[in-house]
Amino acid sequence: MQAAPVRATAIPSFTTALRAVESLLMSGGQRTARRNAWTSVLEDRRRAKDRVEAQQVLERAHSARP
């Protein structure tokens, strides 16, 4: 009996597979627009987190005043 052949190529990651499907289904402009929109979502989330942290610092500073 022979052993099963070893796979020489790596299995693509989910992200790589998703981008391949995306490139088949969308034009370049649509891909760019989607990526820009996602970047904006991530930036909005970061700013919201920063606002919450700043508010917590201000509330702690206010409550610590005599």
N, C-alpha and C. Protein backbone atom coordinates (compact mmCIF):
# COMPACT_ATOMS: atom_id res chain seq x y z
N MET A 1 0.83 -1.19 0.00
CA MET A 1 0.00 0.00 0.00
C MET A 1 0.87 1.25 0.00
N GLN A 2 0.42 2.22 -0.76
CA GLN A 2 1.15 3.48 -0.81
C GLN A 2 0.43 4.50 0.07
N ALA A 3 1.23 5.39 0.62
CA ALA A 3 0.66 6.47 1.43
C ALA A 3 -0.01 7.49 0.52
N ALA A 4 -0.97 8.20 1.07
CA ALA A 4 -1.64 9.25 0.30
C ALA A 4 -0.63 10.34 -0.05
N PRO A 5 -0.75 10.93 -1.23
CA PRO A 5 0.19 11.98 -1.61
C PRO A 5 0.06 13.19 -0.69
N VAL A 6 1.18 13.84 -0.45
CA VAL A 6 1.21 15.03 0.38
C VAL A 6 0.82 16.22 -0.46
N ARG A 7 -0.04 17.05 0.08
CA ARG A 7 -0.49 18.24 -0.64
C ARG A 7 0.64 19.26 -0.66
N ALA A 8 1.00 19.72 -1.83
CA ALA A 8 2.13 20.64 -1.97
C ALA A 8 1.72 22.09 -1.79
N THR A 9 0.45 22.42 -2.02
CA THR A 9 0.01 23.81 -1.90
C THR A 9 -0.78 23.99 -0.63
N ALA A 10 -0.66 25.16 -0.04
CA ALA A 10 -1.39 25.46 1.19
C ALA A 10 -2.86 25.70 0.86
N ILE A 11 -3.71 25.35 1.78
CA ILE A 11 -5.14 25.61 1.63
C ILE A 11 -5.34 27.11 1.87
N PRO A 12 -6.03 27.80 0.96
CA PRO A 12 -6.19 29.24 1.14
C PRO A 12 -7.03 29.55 2.37
N SER A 13 -6.74 30.69 2.97
CA SER A 13 -7.51 31.11 4.13
C SER A 13 -8.91 31.53 3.69
N PHE A 14 -9.78 31.65 4.63
CA PHE A 14 -11.14 32.08 4.34
C PHE A 14 -11.13 33.46 3.68
N THR A 15 -10.28 34.35 4.19
CA THR A 15 -10.20 35.70 3.63
C THR A 15 -9.75 35.66 2.18
N THR A 16 -8.76 34.84 1.89
CA THR A 16 -8.27 34.73 0.51
C THR A 16 -9.36 34.19 -0.41
N ALA A 17 -10.09 33.20 0.06
CA ALA A 17 -11.18 32.64 -0.74
C ALA A 17 -12.28 33.67 -0.95
N LEU A 18 -12.60 34.42 0.09
CA LEU A 18 -13.64 35.45 -0.02
C LEU A 18 -13.24 36.53 -1.01
N ARG A 19 -11.98 36.93 -0.98
CA ARG A 19 -11.52 37.95 -1.93
C ARG A 19 -11.55 37.42 -3.36
N ALA A 20 -11.28 36.15 -3.55
CA ALA A 20 -11.33 35.56 -4.89
C ALA A 20 -12.77 35.59 -5.41
N VAL A 21 -13.72 35.22 -4.58
CA VAL A 21 -15.13 35.26 -4.97
C VAL A 21 -15.55 36.70 -5.24
N GLU A 22 -15.11 37.60 -4.39
CA GLU A 22 -15.42 39.01 -4.56
C GLU A 22 -14.92 39.53 -5.91
N SER A 23 -13.72 39.15 -6.29
CA SER A 23 -13.16 39.64 -7.54
C SER A 23 -13.93 39.10 -8.75
N LEU A 24 -14.53 37.92 -8.61
CA LEU A 24 -15.34 37.38 -9.69
C LEU A 24 -16.69 38.09 -9.81
N LEU A 25 -17.25 38.48 -8.67
CA LEU A 25 -18.61 39.02 -8.66
C LEU A 25 -18.69 40.54 -8.79
N MET A 26 -17.66 41.24 -8.37
CA MET A 26 -17.72 42.70 -8.33
C MET A 26 -16.69 43.32 -9.26
N SER A 27 -17.04 44.48 -9.77
CA SER A 27 -16.05 45.23 -10.55
C SER A 27 -15.07 45.90 -9.59
N GLY A 28 -14.00 46.42 -10.13
CA GLY A 28 -12.98 47.06 -9.29
C GLY A 28 -13.52 48.20 -8.47
N GLY A 29 -14.38 49.01 -9.06
CA GLY A 29 -14.95 50.16 -8.34
C GLY A 29 -15.82 49.73 -7.18
N GLN A 30 -16.58 48.66 -7.37
CA GLN A 30 -17.43 48.17 -6.28
C GLN A 30 -16.57 47.63 -5.14
N ARG A 31 -15.51 46.93 -5.48
CA ARG A 31 -14.61 46.41 -4.43
C ARG A 31 -14.02 47.56 -3.63
N THR A 32 -13.57 48.58 -4.34
CA THR A 32 -12.97 49.73 -3.67
C THR A 32 -13.99 50.41 -2.77
N ALA A 33 -15.20 50.58 -3.26
CA ALA A 33 -16.26 51.22 -2.46
C ALA A 33 -16.57 50.40 -1.21
N ARG A 34 -16.64 49.08 -1.36
CA ARG A 34 -16.94 48.22 -0.21
C ARG A 34 -15.83 48.29 0.82
N ARG A 35 -14.61 48.27 0.35
CA ARG A 35 -13.47 48.34 1.29
C ARG A 35 -13.42 49.71 1.98
N ASN A 36 -13.70 50.76 1.23
CA ASN A 36 -13.73 52.09 1.84
C ASN A 36 -14.83 52.18 2.90
N ALA A 37 -15.98 51.60 2.59
CA ALA A 37 -17.09 51.62 3.55
C ALA A 37 -16.71 50.85 4.81
N TRP A 38 -16.08 49.70 4.65
CA TRP A 38 -15.69 48.90 5.81
C TRP A 38 -14.63 49.64 6.64
N THR A 39 -13.70 50.31 5.98
CA THR A 39 -12.70 51.10 6.69
C THR A 39 -13.37 52.19 7.50
N SER A 40 -14.41 52.82 6.93
CA SER A 40 -15.15 53.86 7.65
C SER A 40 -15.86 53.29 8.87
N VAL A 41 -16.44 52.10 8.73
CA VAL A 41 -17.11 51.45 9.86
C VAL A 41 -16.11 51.20 10.99
N LEU A 42 -14.95 50.67 10.64
CA LEU A 42 -13.94 50.39 11.66
C LEU A 42 -13.47 51.67 12.34
N GLU A 43 -13.31 52.73 11.57
CA GLU A 43 -12.88 54.01 12.14
C GLU A 43 -13.97 54.59 13.05
N ASP A 44 -15.22 54.48 12.65
CA ASP A 44 -16.32 54.95 13.51
C ASP A 44 -16.35 54.18 14.83
N ARG A 45 -16.12 52.87 14.76
CA ARG A 45 -16.08 52.06 15.99
C ARG A 45 -14.94 52.49 16.90
N ARG A 46 -13.79 52.78 16.29
CA ARG A 46 -12.64 53.23 17.09
C ARG A 46 -12.93 54.56 17.77
N ARG A 47 -13.53 55.50 17.03
CA ARG A 47 -13.87 56.80 17.62
C ARG A 47 -14.91 56.65 18.73
N ALA A 48 -15.88 55.77 18.54
CA ALA A 48 -16.89 55.55 19.58
C ALA A 48 -16.24 54.99 20.84
N LYS A 49 -15.33 54.07 20.68
CA LYS A 49 -14.62 53.49 21.83
C LYS A 49 -13.82 54.58 22.54
N ASP A 50 -13.14 55.44 21.77
CA ASP A 50 -12.38 56.53 22.35
C ASP A 50 -13.28 57.49 23.12
N ARG A 51 -14.48 57.78 22.58
CA ARG A 51 -15.42 58.67 23.27
C ARG A 51 -15.86 58.07 24.60
N VAL A 52 -16.16 56.78 24.61
CA VAL A 52 -16.58 56.12 25.85
C VAL A 52 -15.46 56.18 26.88
N GLU A 53 -14.24 55.89 26.45
CA GLU A 53 -13.11 55.93 27.38
C GLU A 53 -12.90 57.35 27.92
N ALA A 54 -13.01 58.36 27.08
CA ALA A 54 -12.84 59.75 27.53
C ALA A 54 -13.94 60.13 28.51
N GLN A 55 -15.16 59.71 28.23
CA GLN A 55 -16.28 60.00 29.14
C GLN A 55 -16.04 59.35 30.50
N GLN A 56 -15.56 58.12 30.51
CA GLN A 56 -15.29 57.43 31.78
C GLN A 56 -14.20 58.15 32.57
N VAL A 57 -13.17 58.63 31.90
CA VAL A 57 -12.10 59.38 32.58
C VAL A 57 -12.66 60.65 33.17
N LEU A 58 -13.47 61.37 32.42
CA LEU A 58 -14.06 62.62 32.93
C LEU A 58 -14.97 62.35 34.12
N GLU A 59 -15.76 61.29 34.05
CA GLU A 59 -16.65 60.97 35.17
C GLU A 59 -15.87 60.59 36.42
N ARG A 60 -14.77 59.84 36.26
CA ARG A 60 -13.94 59.48 37.41
C ARG A 60 -13.28 60.73 38.00
N ALA A 61 -12.81 61.64 37.14
CA ALA A 61 -12.17 62.85 37.62
C ALA A 61 -13.19 63.73 38.35
N HIS A 62 -14.40 63.79 37.84
CA HIS A 62 -15.45 64.60 38.47
C HIS A 62 -15.85 64.02 39.82
N SER A 63 -15.97 62.72 39.91
CA SER A 63 -16.38 62.10 41.17
C SER A 63 -15.27 62.11 42.20
N ALA A 64 -14.02 62.27 41.79
CA ALA A 64 -12.90 62.30 42.72
C ALA A 64 -12.70 63.68 43.33
N ARG A 65 -13.36 64.70 42.78
CA ARG A 65 -13.21 66.06 43.33
C ARG A 65 -13.90 66.14 44.69
N PRO A 66 -13.28 66.84 45.61
CA PRO A 66 -13.89 66.97 46.95
C PRO A 66 -15.06 67.93 46.97
